[in-house]
C-alpha atoms as a PDB file:
ATOM      1  CA  MET A   1     -13.882  -7.789 -24.138  1.00  0.00           C
ATOM      2  CA  GLU A   2     -14.688  -4.215 -23.422  1.00  0.00           C
ATOM      3  CA  ASN A   3     -13.623  -0.990 -25.160  1.00  0.00           C
ATOM      4  CA  ARG A   4     -12.100   1.526 -22.896  1.00  0.00           C
ATOM      5  CA  GLU A   5     -12.121   5.173 -23.387  1.00  0.00           C
ATOM      6  CA  HIS A   6      -8.624   5.753 -21.798  1.00  0.00           C
ATOM      7  CA  LEU A   7      -5.870   3.285 -20.350  1.00  0.00           C
ATOM      8  CA  LEU A   8      -6.638   4.251 -16.930  1.00  0.00           C
ATOM      9  CA  ASP A   9      -9.998   2.948 -16.976  1.00  0.00           C
ATOM     10  CA  ALA A  10      -8.567  -0.459 -18.361  1.00  0.00           C
ATOM     11  CA  VAL A  11      -5.793  -0.918 -15.471  1.00  0.00           C
ATOM     12  CA  SER A  12      -7.393   0.522 -12.438  1.00  0.00           C
ATOM     13  CA  MET A  13      -9.586  -2.309 -11.473  1.00  0.00           C
ATOM     14  CA  PRO A  14      -7.747  -5.575  -9.989  1.00  0.00           C
ATOM     15  CA  LYS A  15      -7.665  -9.124 -10.926  1.00  0.00           C
ATOM     16  CA  CYS A  16      -9.213 -11.725  -8.422  1.00  0.00           C
ATOM     17  CA  ILE A  17      -7.032 -15.150  -8.590  1.00  0.00           C
ATOM     18  CA  ARG A  18      -7.912 -18.324  -6.824  1.00  0.00           C
ATOM     19  CA  VAL A  19      -4.506 -19.438  -5.388  1.00  0.00           C
ATOM     20  CA  SER A  20      -6.092 -21.992  -3.501  1.00  0.00           C
ATOM     21  CA  ASP A  21      -9.802 -23.027  -2.013  1.00  0.00           C
ATOM     22  CA  ASN A  22      -9.554 -20.726   0.488  1.00  0.00           C
ATOM     23  CA  LEU A  23      -6.696 -18.144  -0.461  1.00  0.00           C
ATOM     24  CA  TRP A  24      -7.557 -15.366  -3.127  1.00  0.00           C
ATOM     25  CA  ALA A  25      -5.056 -12.955  -4.390  1.00  0.00           C
ATOM     26  CA  LEU A  26      -6.377  -9.263  -5.403  1.00  0.00           C
ATOM     27  CA  ARG A  27      -3.659  -8.458  -8.181  1.00  0.00           C
ATOM     28  CA  PHE A  28      -3.292  -4.774  -9.104  1.00  0.00           C
ATOM     29  CA  GLU A  29      -1.237  -3.822 -12.033  1.00  0.00           C
ATOM     30  CA  SER A  30      -0.505  -0.549 -10.183  1.00  0.00           C
ATOM     31  CA  MET A  31      -2.990  -0.283  -6.796  1.00  0.00           C
ATOM     32  CA  LYS A  32      -2.977   3.628  -6.670  1.00  0.00           C
ATOM     33  CA  LEU A  33      -4.642   3.933  -9.914  1.00  0.00           C
ATOM     34  CA  ALA A  34      -8.135   2.993  -8.477  1.00  0.00           C
ATOM     35  CA  SER A  35      -7.538   5.500  -5.515  1.00  0.00           C
ATOM     36  CA  CYS A  36      -6.236   8.337  -7.026  1.00  0.00           C
ATOM     37  CA  SER A  37      -8.588   8.353 -10.434  1.00  0.00           C
ATOM     38  CA  VAL A  38     -11.578   8.411  -7.855  1.00  0.00           C
ATOM     39  CA  ALA A  39     -10.203  11.147  -5.818  1.00  0.00           C
ATOM     40  CA  VAL A  40      -9.476  13.432  -8.520  1.00  0.00           C
ATOM     41  CA  GLU A  41     -13.047  12.925 -10.286  1.00  0.00           C
ATOM     42  CA  THR A  42     -14.629  13.882  -6.813  1.00  0.00           C
ATOM     43  CA  LEU A  43     -12.386  16.836  -6.419  1.00  0.00           C
ATOM     44  CA  LEU A  44     -13.627  17.983  -9.839  1.00  0.00           C
ATOM     45  CA  GLN A  45     -17.284  17.232  -9.333  1.00  0.00           C
ATOM     46  CA  ASN A  46     -17.282  19.021  -5.890  1.00  0.00           C
ATOM     47  CA  GLY A  47     -15.434  22.118  -7.158  1.00  0.00           C
ATOM     48  CA  THR A  48     -12.549  21.850  -5.040  1.00  0.00           C
ATOM     49  CA  ILE A  49     -10.242  21.982  -8.324  1.00  0.00           C
ATOM     50  CA  ASN A  50     -10.852  23.099 -11.520  1.00  0.00           C
ATOM     51  CA  ARG A  51      -9.289  22.175 -15.184  1.00  0.00           C
ATOM     52  CA  ARG A  52      -6.699  24.788 -14.836  1.00  0.00           C
ATOM     53  CA  THR A  53      -5.683  23.463 -11.427  1.00  0.00           C
ATOM     54  CA  THR A  54      -2.235  21.908 -11.195  1.00  0.00           C
ATOM     55  CA  LEU A  55      -2.252  18.581  -8.819  1.00  0.00           C
ATOM     56  CA  VAL A  56       0.807  18.336  -6.799  1.00  0.00           C
ATOM     57  CA  ASP A  57       2.031  15.401  -4.756  1.00  0.00           C
ATOM     58  CA  SER A  58       5.176  13.553  -3.495  1.00  0.00           C
ATOM     59  CA  SER A  59       5.710   9.932  -4.214  1.00  0.00           C
ATOM     60  CA  SER A  60       8.005   7.073  -4.132  1.00  0.00           C
ATOM     61  CA  GLY A  61       6.668   5.529  -7.162  1.00  0.00           C
ATOM     62  CA  ILE A  62       3.284   4.342  -7.895  1.00  0.00           C
ATOM     63  CA  TYR A  63       1.263   7.248  -6.915  1.00  0.00           C
ATOM     64  CA  ALA A  64       3.201   9.307  -9.311  1.00  0.00           C
ATOM     65  CA  TYR A  65       2.210   7.047 -12.169  1.00  0.00           C
ATOM     66  CA  ALA A  66      -1.451   7.153 -10.869  1.00  0.00           C
ATOM     67  CA  LEU A  67      -1.551  10.904 -10.635  1.00  0.00           C
ATOM     68  CA  ALA A  68       0.003  11.228 -14.025  1.00  0.00           C
ATOM     69  CA  LEU A  69      -2.159   8.826 -15.696  1.00  0.00           C
ATOM     70  CA  THR A  70      -5.302  10.553 -14.170  1.00  0.00           C
ATOM     71  CA  CYS A  71      -4.276  13.903 -15.096  1.00  0.00           C
ATOM     72  CA  HIS A  72      -3.608  12.377 -18.746  1.00  0.00           C
ATOM     73  CA  LYS A  73      -7.044  11.555 -18.933  1.00  0.00           C
ATOM     74  CA  HIS A  74      -8.784  14.488 -17.614  1.00  0.00           C
ATOM     75  CA  SER A  75      -6.149  17.148 -19.439  1.00  0.00           C
ATOM     76  CA  LEU A  76      -4.987  18.274 -16.165  1.00  0.00           C
ATOM     77  CA  GLN A  77      -1.394  19.743 -15.116  1.00  0.00           C
ATOM     78  CA  CYS A  78       0.459  17.918 -12.524  1.00  0.00           C
ATOM     79  CA  HIS A  79       3.808  18.340 -10.601  1.00  0.00           C
ATOM     80  CA  ILE A  80       5.279  15.378  -8.592  1.00  0.00           C
ATOM     81  CA  ILE A  81       8.064  15.652  -5.954  1.00  0.00           C
ATOM     82  CA  ALA A  82       9.762  12.108  -6.632  1.00  0.00           C
ATOM     83  CA  SER A  83      11.735  10.047  -4.184  1.00  0.00           C
ATOM     84  CA  THR A  84      15.110   8.895  -5.286  1.00  0.00           C
ATOM     85  CA  THR A  85      13.577   5.381  -5.552  1.00  0.00           C
ATOM     86  CA  VAL A  86      11.616   6.697  -8.775  1.00  0.00           C
ATOM     87  CA  ASP A  87      13.905   4.812 -11.488  1.00  0.00           C
ATOM     88  CA  ALA A  88      14.822   5.952 -14.872  1.00  0.00           C
ATOM     89  CA  THR A  89      11.900   3.582 -16.422  1.00  0.00           C
ATOM     90  CA  LEU A  90       9.022   5.378 -14.498  1.00  0.00           C
ATOM     91  CA  LEU A  91      10.466   8.779 -14.858  1.00  0.00           C
ATOM     92  CA  LEU A  92      10.105   8.175 -18.758  1.00  0.00           C
ATOM     93  CA  GLN A  93       6.460   7.469 -18.395  1.00  0.00           C
ATOM     94  CA  LEU A  94       5.709  10.378 -16.123  1.00  0.00           C
ATOM     95  CA  ASN A  95       7.427  12.722 -18.643  1.00  0.00           C
ATOM     96  CA  ALA A  96       5.652  11.215 -21.500  1.00  0.00           C
ATOM     97  CA  LEU A  97       2.453  11.683 -19.822  1.00  0.00           C
ATOM     98  CA  GLY A  98       2.954  15.389 -19.465  1.00  0.00           C
ATOM     99  CA  ALA A  99       3.773  15.516 -15.682  1.00  0.00           C
ATOM    100  CA  SER A 100       6.531  17.898 -14.481  1.00  0.00           C
ATOM    101  CA  VAL A 101       8.708  15.968 -12.157  1.00  0.00           C
ATOM    102  CA  GLU A 102      11.298  17.178  -9.566  1.00  0.00           C
ATOM    103  CA  GLN A 103      13.327  14.440  -8.020  1.00  0.00           C
ATOM    104  CA  VAL A 104      14.959  15.089  -4.900  1.00  0.00           C
ATOM    105  CA  PRO A 105      18.707  14.042  -3.818  1.00  0.00           C
ATOM    106  CA  PRO A 106      19.849  10.991  -2.922  1.00  0.00           C
ATOM    107  CA  SER A 107      19.614  10.520   0.840  1.00  0.00           C
ATOM    108  CA  THR A 108      20.517   7.473   3.547  1.00  0.00           C
ATOM    109  CA  SER A 109      17.553   8.348   5.800  1.00  0.00           C
ATOM    110  CA  LEU A 110      13.856   7.454   4.751  1.00  0.00           C
ATOM    111  CA  LYS A 111      13.015  10.103   7.428  1.00  0.00           C
ATOM    112  CA  TYR A 112      15.013  13.158   6.067  1.00  0.00           C
ATOM    113  CA  ASP A 113      13.752  12.164   2.390  1.00  0.00           C
ATOM    114  CA  GLN A 114       9.917  12.112   3.265  1.00  0.00           C
ATOM    115  CA  GLU A 115      10.388  15.138   5.110  1.00  0.00           C
ATOM    116  CA  PHE A 116      12.566  16.974   2.370  1.00  0.00           C
ATOM    117  CA  LEU A 117       9.625  15.547  -0.210  1.00  0.00           C
ATOM    118  CA  VAL A 118       6.986  17.390   2.028  1.00  0.00           C
ATOM    119  CA  ARG A 119       9.139  20.473   2.479  1.00  0.00           C
ATOM    120  CA  ARG A 120       9.429  20.766  -1.145  1.00  0.00           C
ATOM    121  CA  VAL A 121       5.667  20.315  -1.895  1.00  0.00           C
ATOM    122  CA  HIS A 122       5.051  23.440   0.678  1.00  0.00           C
ATOM    123  CA  GLU A 123       7.529  25.354  -1.324  1.00  0.00           C
ATOM    124  CA  TYR A 124       6.195  24.480  -4.771  1.00  0.00           C
ATOM    125  CA  LEU A 125       2.531  25.245  -3.496  1.00  0.00           C
ATOM    126  CA  ALA A 126       3.487  28.752  -2.064  1.00  0.00           C
ATOM    127  CA  ASN A 127       5.463  29.787  -5.248  1.00  0.00           C
ATOM    128  CA  HIS A 128       2.517  28.851  -7.541  1.00  0.00           C
ATOM    129  CA  GLU A 129      -1.002  29.755  -8.053  1.00  0.00           C
ATOM    130  CA  ASN A 130      -4.163  27.697  -8.549  1.00  0.00           C
ATOM    131  CA  THR A 131      -2.271  24.466  -7.090  1.00  0.00           C
ATOM    132  CA  TYR A 132      -3.744  21.563  -5.006  1.00  0.00           C
ATOM    133  CA  TRP A 133      -1.885  19.214  -2.817  1.00  0.00           C
ATOM    134  CA  MET A 134      -3.501  15.744  -3.323  1.00  0.00           C
ATOM    135  CA  GLN A 135      -2.148  14.623   0.342  1.00  0.00           C
ATOM    136  CA  GLN A 136      -2.237  11.212  -0.703  1.00  0.00           C
ATOM    137  CA  TYR A 137      -1.192  10.226   3.065  1.00  0.00           C
ATOM    138  CA  HIS A 138      -3.381  12.493   4.965  1.00  0.00           C
ATOM    139  CA  ASP A 139      -6.780  12.969   2.749  1.00  0.00           C
ATOM    140  CA  ARG A 140      -9.353  10.292   3.357  1.00  0.00           C
ATOM    141  CA  VAL A 141     -10.924  11.208  -0.315  1.00  0.00           C
ATOM    142  CA  HIS A 142      -8.419   8.228  -1.351  1.00  0.00           C
ATOM    143  CA  TYR A 143     -10.571   5.679   0.366  1.00  0.00           C
ATOM    144  CA  GLU A 144     -13.500   5.565  -2.062  1.00  0.00           C
ATOM    145  CA  GLY A 145     -11.690   3.949  -4.822  1.00  0.00           C
ATOM    146  CA  TYR A 146     -10.735   1.077  -2.932  1.00  0.00           C
ATOM    147  CA  ARG A 147     -14.131   0.929  -1.111  1.00  0.00           C
ATOM    148  CA  ARG A 148     -16.027   0.641  -4.559  1.00  0.00           C
ATOM    149  CA  ILE A 149     -13.541  -2.229  -5.406  1.00  0.00           C
ATOM    150  CA  GLY A 150     -14.371  -3.738  -1.750  1.00  0.00           C
ATOM    151  CA  VAL A 151     -18.103  -3.705  -2.581  1.00  0.00           C
ATOM    152  CA  LEU A 152     -17.873  -5.139  -5.807  1.00  0.00           C
ATOM    153  CA  LEU A 153     -15.413  -7.668  -4.331  1.00  0.00           C
ATOM    154  CA  GLU A 154     -17.812  -8.763  -1.621  1.00  0.00           C
ATOM    155  CA  GLU A 155     -20.507  -9.350  -4.106  1.00  0.00           C
ATOM    156  CA  LEU A 156     -18.375 -11.975  -5.800  1.00  0.00           C
ATOM    157  CA  ILE A 157     -17.232 -13.539  -2.672  1.00  0.00           C
ATOM    158  CA  HIS A 158     -20.870 -13.751  -1.322  1.00  0.00           C
ATOM    159  CA  ALA A 159     -21.754 -15.557  -4.616  1.00  0.00           C
ATOM    160  CA  GLU A 160     -19.323 -17.980  -4.388  1.00  0.00           C
ATOM    161  CA  PHE A 161     -19.530 -18.941  -1.014  1.00  0.00           C
ATOM    162  CA  GLY A 162     -22.596 -17.423   0.625  1.00  0.00           C
ATOM    163  CA  LEU A 163     -21.897 -15.974   3.834  1.00  0.00           C
ATOM    164  CA  ILE A 164     -18.400 -16.344   5.047  1.00  0.00           C
ATOM    165  CA  SER A 165     -15.807 -14.572   7.104  1.00  0.00           C
ATOM    166  CA  ILE A 166     -12.807 -12.757   5.289  1.00  0.00           C
ATOM    167  CA  ASN A 167      -9.382 -12.658   6.299  1.00  0.00           C
ATOM    168  CA  LEU A 168      -8.108  -9.629   4.376  1.00  0.00           C
ATOM    169  CA  VAL A 169      -4.442  -9.239   4.215  1.00  0.00           C
ATOM    170  CA  SER A 170      -3.149  -5.861   3.480  1.00  0.00           C
ATOM    171  CA  PRO A 171       0.128  -4.343   3.230  1.00  0.00           C
ATOM    172  CA  ILE A 172       0.008  -0.780   4.850  1.00  0.00           C
ATOM    173  CA  GLY A 173       1.733   2.128   3.414  1.00  0.00           C
ATOM    174  CA  SER A 174      -0.469   5.652   3.335  1.00  0.00           C
ATOM    175  CA  GLY A 175      -3.402   3.316   4.956  1.00  0.00           C
ATOM    176  CA  ALA A 176      -5.958   4.168   2.268  1.00  0.00           C
ATOM    177  CA  SER A 177      -6.213   0.990   0.655  1.00  0.00           C
ATOM    178  CA  SER A 178      -6.677  -1.216   3.857  1.00  0.00           C
ATOM    179  CA  ALA A 179      -9.217   1.121   5.130  1.00  0.00           C
ATOM    180  CA  GLY A 180     -11.076   1.500   1.899  1.00  0.00           C
ATOM    181  CA  MET A 181     -11.143  -2.192   1.184  1.00  0.00           C
ATOM    182  CA  PHE A 182     -12.108  -3.050   4.800  1.00  0.00           C
ATOM    183  CA  GLN A 183     -14.987  -0.708   4.635  1.00  0.00           C
ATOM    184  CA  GLY A 184     -16.246  -1.918   1.149  1.00  0.00           C
ATOM    185  CA  LEU A 185     -15.914  -5.664   2.208  1.00  0.00           C
ATOM    186  CA  ALA A 186     -17.822  -4.876   5.521  1.00  0.00           C
ATOM    187  CA  THR A 187     -20.705  -3.133   3.587  1.00  0.00           C
ATOM    188  CA  ASN A 188     -23.303  -5.898   3.741  1.00  0.00           C
ATOM    189  CA  ARG A 189     -22.231  -6.580   7.336  1.00  0.00           C
ATOM    190  CA  THR A 190     -19.724  -9.422   6.102  1.00  0.00           C
ATOM    191  CA  LEU A 191     -17.148 -10.139   9.003  1.00  0.00           C
ATOM    192  CA  VAL A 192     -13.963  -8.928   7.842  1.00  0.00           C
ATOM    193  CA  GLN A 193     -10.653  -9.526  10.006  1.00  0.00           C
ATOM    194  CA  LEU A 194      -7.861  -7.236   8.862  1.00  0.00           C
ATOM    195  CA  THR A 195      -4.493  -8.040   9.080  1.00  0.00           C
ATOM    196  CA  GLY A 196      -1.914  -5.268   8.456  1.00  0.00           C
ATOM    197  CA  ILE A 197       1.795  -5.765   7.112  1.00  0.00           C
ATOM    198  CA  GLN A 198       4.325  -3.592   8.380  1.00  0.00           C
ATOM    199  CA  PRO A 199       8.387  -3.221   7.403  1.00  0.00           C
ATOM    200  CA  PHE A 200      10.792  -3.066  10.253  1.00  0.00           C
ATOM    201  CA  GLY A 201      11.919   0.408  10.609  1.00  0.00           C
ATOM    202  CA  SER A 202       8.617   1.969  10.551  1.00  0.00           C
ATOM    203  CA  VAL A 203       6.915   4.566  12.545  1.00  0.00           C
ATOM    204  CA  SER A 204       3.412   3.658  11.603  1.00  0.00           C
ATOM    205  CA  PHE A 205       3.301   0.759  14.269  1.00  0.00           C
ATOM    206  CA  GLY A 206       5.956   1.447  16.259  1.00  0.00           C
ATOM    207  CA  SER A 207       8.966  -0.513  14.961  1.00  0.00           C
ATOM    208  CA  GLU A 208      11.178   2.540  13.682  1.00  0.00           C
ATOM    209  CA  ASP A 209      13.875   1.164  16.076  1.00  0.00           C
ATOM    210  CA  ILE A 210      14.553  -1.601  14.439  1.00  0.00           C
ATOM    211  CA  GLU A 211      16.661  -1.045  11.548  1.00  0.00           C
ATOM    212  CA  ASP A 212      16.076  -2.641   8.052  1.00  0.00           C
ATOM    213  CA  PRO A 213      18.531  -1.193   5.435  1.00  0.00           C
ATOM    214  CA  ASP A 214      16.158  -2.287   2.539  1.00  0.00           C
ATOM    215  CA  ILE A 215      13.182  -0.447   3.892  1.00  0.00           C
ATOM    216  CA  LEU A 216      13.542   2.022   1.167  1.00  0.00           C
ATOM    217  CA  VAL A 217      12.246  -0.592  -1.607  1.00  0.00           C
ATOM    218  CA  ALA A 218      10.018  -2.173   0.776  1.00  0.00           C
ATOM    219  CA  GLY A 219       6.948  -0.118  -0.966  1.00  0.00           C
ATOM    220  CA  ILE A 220       5.332  -0.024   2.707  1.00  0.00           C
ATOM    221  CA  GLY A 221       5.739   1.398   6.023  1.00  0.00           C
ATOM    222  CA  SER A 222       6.637   5.411   6.868  1.00  0.00           C
ATOM    223  CA  ALA A 223       9.355   7.166   8.631  1.00  0.00           C
ATOM    224  CA  ILE A 224       6.642   9.968   9.158  1.00  0.00           C
ATOM    225  CA  PRO A 225       3.151   9.595  10.571  1.00  0.00           C
ATOM    226  CA  PHE A 226       0.355   9.074   7.997  1.00  0.00           C
ATOM    227  CA  ASN A 227      -3.244  10.505   9.231  1.00  0.00           C
ATOM    228  CA  ASN A 228      -4.865   7.906   6.569  1.00  0.00           C
ATOM    229  CA  ILE A 229      -3.800   4.949   8.717  1.00  0.00           C
ATOM    230  CA  GLU A 230      -7.153   3.962  10.786  1.00  0.00           C
ATOM    231  CA  TYR A 231      -5.711   1.985  13.683  1.00  0.00           C
ATOM    232  CA  SER A 232      -8.857   0.882  14.995  1.00  0.00           C
ATOM    233  CA  ILE A 233      -9.873  -1.427  12.090  1.00  0.00           C
ATOM    234  CA  PHE A 234      -6.486  -3.878  12.550  1.00  0.00           C
ATOM    235  CA  THR A 235      -7.083  -7.326  14.176  1.00  0.00           C
ATOM    236  CA  ASN A 236      -3.300  -8.120  13.813  1.00  0.00           C
ATOM    237  CA  ILE A 237      -0.410  -6.543  12.685  1.00  0.00           C
ATOM    238  CA  HIS A 238       2.503  -8.565  11.153  1.00  0.00           C
ATOM    239  CA  TRP A 239       6.381  -6.845  10.905  1.00  0.00           C
ATOM    240  CA  ILE A 240       8.170  -8.642   8.083  1.00  0.00           C
ATOM    241  CA  SER A 241      11.929  -7.843   7.102  1.00  0.00           C
ATOM    242  CA  ALA A 242      12.669  -7.132   3.582  1.00  0.00           C
ATOM    243  CA  GLU A 243      14.531 -10.415   2.870  1.00  0.00           C
ATOM    244  CA  VAL A 244      11.454 -12.285   3.705  1.00  0.00           C
ATOM    245  CA  ALA A 245       9.272 -10.198   1.647  1.00  0.00           C
ATOM    246  CA  ARG A 246      11.833 -10.732  -1.137  1.00  0.00           C
ATOM    247  CA  GLN A 247      11.788 -14.463  -0.664  1.00  0.00           C
ATOM    248  CA  GLY A 248       7.832 -14.016  -0.668  1.00  0.00           C
ATOM    249  CA  SER A 249       8.048 -12.026  -3.993  1.00  0.00           C
ATOM    250  CA  MET A 250       9.804 -15.165  -5.511  1.00  0.00           C
ATOM    251  CA  GLN A 251       7.642 -17.847  -4.215  1.00  0.00           C
ATOM    252  CA  LEU A 252       4.703 -15.951  -5.171  1.00  0.00           C
ATOM    253  CA  LEU A 253       5.840 -15.881  -8.721  1.00  0.00           C
ATOM    254  CA  ALA A 254       7.000 -19.658  -8.738  1.00  0.00           C
ATOM    255  CA  ASP A 255       3.718 -20.777  -7.095  1.00  0.00           C
ATOM    256  CA  THR A 256       1.302 -18.779  -9.176  1.00  0.00           C
ATOM    257  CA  GLY A 257       2.845 -16.784 -11.865  1.00  0.00           C
ATOM    258  CA  ILE A 258       2.076 -13.473 -10.389  1.00  0.00           C
ATOM    259  CA  PHE A 259       5.053 -11.253 -10.650  1.00  0.00           C
ATOM    260  CA  GLY A 260       4.585  -8.770  -7.846  1.00  0.00           C
ATOM    261  CA  GLY A 261       6.546  -6.141  -5.805  1.00  0.00           C
ATOM    262  CA  LEU A 262       7.878  -6.804  -2.271  1.00  0.00           C
ATOM    263  CA  SER A 263       4.781  -5.744  -0.599  1.00  0.00           C
ATOM    264  CA  SER A 264       3.118  -8.383  -2.605  1.00  0.00           C
ATOM    265  CA  GLY A 265       5.495 -10.932  -1.676  1.00  0.00           C
ATOM    266  CA  ALA A 266       4.996  -9.934   2.131  1.00  0.00           C
ATOM    267  CA  ALA A 267       1.342 -10.175   1.685  1.00  0.00           C
ATOM    268  CA  TYR A 268       1.540 -13.764   0.042  1.00  0.00           C
ATOM    269  CA  THR A 269       3.681 -14.950   2.921  1.00  0.00           C
ATOM    270  CA  VAL A 270       1.426 -13.645   5.362  1.00  0.00           C
ATOM    271  CA  GLY A 271      -1.628 -14.918   3.649  1.00  0.00           C
ATOM    272  CA  ASN A 272      -0.148 -18.222   3.176  1.00  0.00           C
ATOM    273  CA  TYR A 273       0.115 -18.596   6.858  1.00  0.00           C
ATOM    274  CA  ILE A 274      -3.407 -17.338   7.822  1.00  0.00           C
ATOM    275  CA  ALA A 275      -4.932 -19.663   5.158  1.00  0.00           C
ATOM    276  CA  ALA A 276      -3.024 -22.546   6.376  1.00  0.00           C
ATOM    277  CA  ASN A 277      -4.366 -21.729  10.239  1.00  0.00           C
ATOM    278  CA  ASP A 278      -8.036 -20.800   9.236  1.00  0.00           C
ATOM    279  CA  SER A 279      -9.382 -23.342   6.817  1.00  0.00           C
ATOM    280  CA  GLU A 280     -13.172 -22.416   7.378  1.00  0.00           C
ATOM    281  CA  ASN A 281     -12.789 -18.971   6.202  1.00  0.00           C
ATOM    282  CA  LEU A 282     -11.209 -17.270   2.998  1.00  0.00           C
ATOM    283  CA  THR A 283      -8.032 -15.418   3.252  1.00  0.00           C
ATOM    284  CA  LEU A 284      -7.789 -12.619   0.616  1.00  0.00           C
ATOM    285  CA  PHE A 285      -4.562 -10.778   0.201  1.00  0.00           C
ATOM    286  CA  LEU A 286      -3.552  -7.534  -1.473  1.00  0.00           C
ATOM    287  CA  CYS A 287      -0.715  -7.466  -4.578  1.00  0.00           C
ATOM    288  CA  PRO A 288      -0.309  -3.702  -4.944  1.00  0.00           C
ATOM    289  CA  ASP A 289       1.919  -3.715  -7.943  1.00  0.00           C
ATOM    290  CA  MET A 290       3.812  -5.557 -10.383  1.00  0.00           C
ATOM    291  CA  GLY A 291       7.630  -6.690  -9.688  1.00  0.00           C
ATOM    292  CA  TYR A 292       9.184  -5.040 -12.779  1.00  0.00           C
ATOM    293  CA  ARG A 293      10.555  -2.041 -10.494  1.00  0.00           C
ATOM    294  CA  TYR A 294      12.043  -4.668  -8.130  1.00  0.00           C
ATOM    295  CA  ALA A 295      13.631  -6.925 -10.901  1.00  0.00           C
ATOM    296  CA  PRO A 296      17.127  -6.025  -9.926  1.00  0.00           C
ATOM    297  CA  VAL A 297      16.687  -6.705  -6.204  1.00  0.00           C
ATOM    298  CA  LEU A 298      15.013  -9.906  -6.854  1.00  0.00           C
ATOM    299  CA  ALA A 299      17.212 -10.930  -9.457  1.00  0.00           C
ATOM    300  CA  GLU A 300      19.770 -10.948  -6.710  1.00  0.00           C
ATOM    301  CA  THR A 301      17.588 -13.220  -4.520  1.00  0.00           C
ATOM    302  CA  ASP A 302      18.399 -16.668  -3.660  1.00  0.00           C
ATOM    303  CA  ALA A 303      14.944 -18.436  -4.147  1.00  0.00           C
ATOM    304  CA  SER A 304      16.493 -21.579  -2.218  1.00  0.00           C
ATOM    305  CA  HIS A 305      17.459 -20.091   0.721  1.00  0.00           C
ATOM    306  CA  LYS A 306      14.949 -20.314   3.479  1.00  0.00           C
ATOM    307  CA  THR A 307      13.724 -17.656   5.863  1.00  0.00           C
ATOM    308  CA  GLN A 308      11.623 -17.927   8.803  1.00  0.00           C
ATOM    309  CA  SER A 309       8.552 -20.000   7.700  1.00  0.00           C
ATOM    310  CA  ASN A 310       6.323 -18.764  10.800  1.00  0.00           C
ATOM    311  CA  PRO A 311       5.920 -15.683  12.694  1.00  0.00           C
ATOM    312  CA  LEU A 312       7.259 -15.135  16.174  1.00  0.00           C
ATOM    313  CA  TRP A 313       4.104 -14.111  18.404  1.00  0.00           C
ATOM    314  CA  ILE A 314       4.711 -11.242  20.677  1.00  0.00           C
ATOM    315  CA  SER A 315       2.640  -9.442  23.379  1.00  0.00           C
ATOM    316  CA  THR A 316       4.542  -6.141  23.211  1.00  0.00           C
ATOM    317  CA  LEU A 317       6.279  -3.927  21.057  1.00  0.00           C
ATOM    318  CA  ASN A 318       9.327  -4.308  23.199  1.00  0.00           C
ATOM    319  CA  GLN A 319       9.438  -8.015  21.817  1.00  0.00           C
ATOM    320  CA  LEU A 320       9.863  -6.839  18.167  1.00  0.00           C
ATOM    321  CA  THR A 321      12.690  -8.767  16.332  1.00  0.00           C
ATOM    322  CA  PRO A 322      13.483  -9.742  12.793  1.00  0.00           C
ATOM    323  CA  GLN A 323      12.659 -11.533  10.673  1.00  0.00           C
ATOM    324  CA  TRP A 324       8.833 -11.686  11.096  1.00  0.00           C
ATOM    325  CA  CYS A 325       6.757 -11.015  14.238  1.00  0.00           C
ATOM    326  CA  THR A 326       2.889 -10.726  14.865  1.00  0.00           C
ATOM    327  CA  MET A 327       0.863  -9.216  17.465  1.00  0.00           C
ATOM    328  CA  GLU A 328      -2.851  -9.138  18.334  1.00  0.00           C
ATOM    329  CA  TRP A 329      -3.670  -5.623  17.530  1.00  0.00           C
ATOM    330  CA  LYS A 330      -7.333  -5.522  18.694  1.00  0.00           C
ATOM    331  CA  GLY A 331      -8.001  -2.185  17.346  1.00  0.00           C
ATOM    332  CA  ARG A 332      -6.021  -0.377  19.537  1.00  0.00           C
ATOM    333  CA  GLY A 333      -5.381   3.211  19.260  1.00  0.00           C
ATOM    334  CA  PHE A 334      -1.949   4.593  18.220  1.00  0.00           C
ATOM    335  CA  ASN A 335      -0.267   7.974  17.680  1.00  0.00           C
ATOM    336  CA  PRO A 336       3.344   7.805  16.143  1.00  0.00           C
ATOM    337  CA  ALA A 337       3.240  11.574  15.939  1.00  0.00           C
ATOM    338  CA  SER A 338       3.603  11.908  19.930  1.00  0.00           C
ATOM    339  CA  GLY A 339       7.033  11.378  20.086  1.00  0.00           C
ATOM    340  CA  VAL A 340       6.367   8.979  23.160  1.00  0.00           C
ATOM    341  CA  LYS A 341       6.994   5.431  22.061  1.00  0.00           C
ATOM    342  CA  SER A 342       5.682   3.262  24.521  1.00  0.00           C
ATOM    343  CA  LYS A 343       7.197  -0.142  23.656  1.00  0.00           C
ATOM    344  CA  ASP A 344       5.225  -1.841  26.468  1.00  0.00           C
ATOM    345  CA  ILE A 345       1.996  -1.561  24.549  1.00  0.00           C
ATOM    346  CA  SER A 346       0.659  -5.105  25.092  1.00  0.00           C
ATOM    347  CA  VAL A 347      -2.596  -6.948  23.415  1.00  0.00           C
ATOM    348  CA  ASP A 348      -4.453  -5.717  26.796  1.00  0.00           C
ATOM    349  CA  GLY A 349      -4.292  -2.272  25.019  1.00  0.00           C
END
């Protein structure tokens, strides 16, 4: 048992759980604690911010908690522009930690919600002195916390298996965790195959034309471009519906006892599939957060209802269709900000 100076230090590191011989879960209590805490420490050390700076960002949930807890540890002020998905339980925690919180009005459009959040951040910065926008979606200072975890994890895996290839399965939100973990695991030239997970309805990997009404609670994807996504490192991409993700969360709980959110359920679904088809290598899937904020949604999920059990392999984005598709990405570039959605992008690049 270790004595920690602050709760942040006790809960920011994930737990590694063996699900089967070649399938491991990396379970975070709240993933962005690891990223935000190192980012703020770096900004303090290099003089970008000082003890009187108010840190500002928008969030749909777990980054808000990470920023509030980090600022609590360092006695800093923070202001959070909160999405409508931030619930009463999280608001209670944010307020108790001393964060000032502004929640945007409800919206039926994820794109409008995200654009409004960013607009409010700019307005706040313009009207308040000594403020700093953390830019969790765009500033690669958020890679470092995950990179450090990846380095430690690679050492653990090497001690257990020796030289082995790793299939890393990562839900893609801001893009920081997938890139940082990939960099850390590959530090000692370990071969890492990175598989990313997206919901339907997200611009990040070209599925924005396929509606999924539940994307607001999926915890992954985006309606606006994120600069932190490093497209060149992904081997494959899986697109998963919210229904499949919910079933995955329930199956993850039943099989392992891990109560994870929807992105964790999606990662377990994909991780299981990869591990079953690649018994020679280790598959490691990320569980970004706990399932408590999704409890009302999961409580309505019929665990006995069977969804698509294997993905549909596609060769172009034109072929995207729910509930579950996958495509060889092969590190191709992609620019969701271009306004040109070339849906005939194929495996040939």
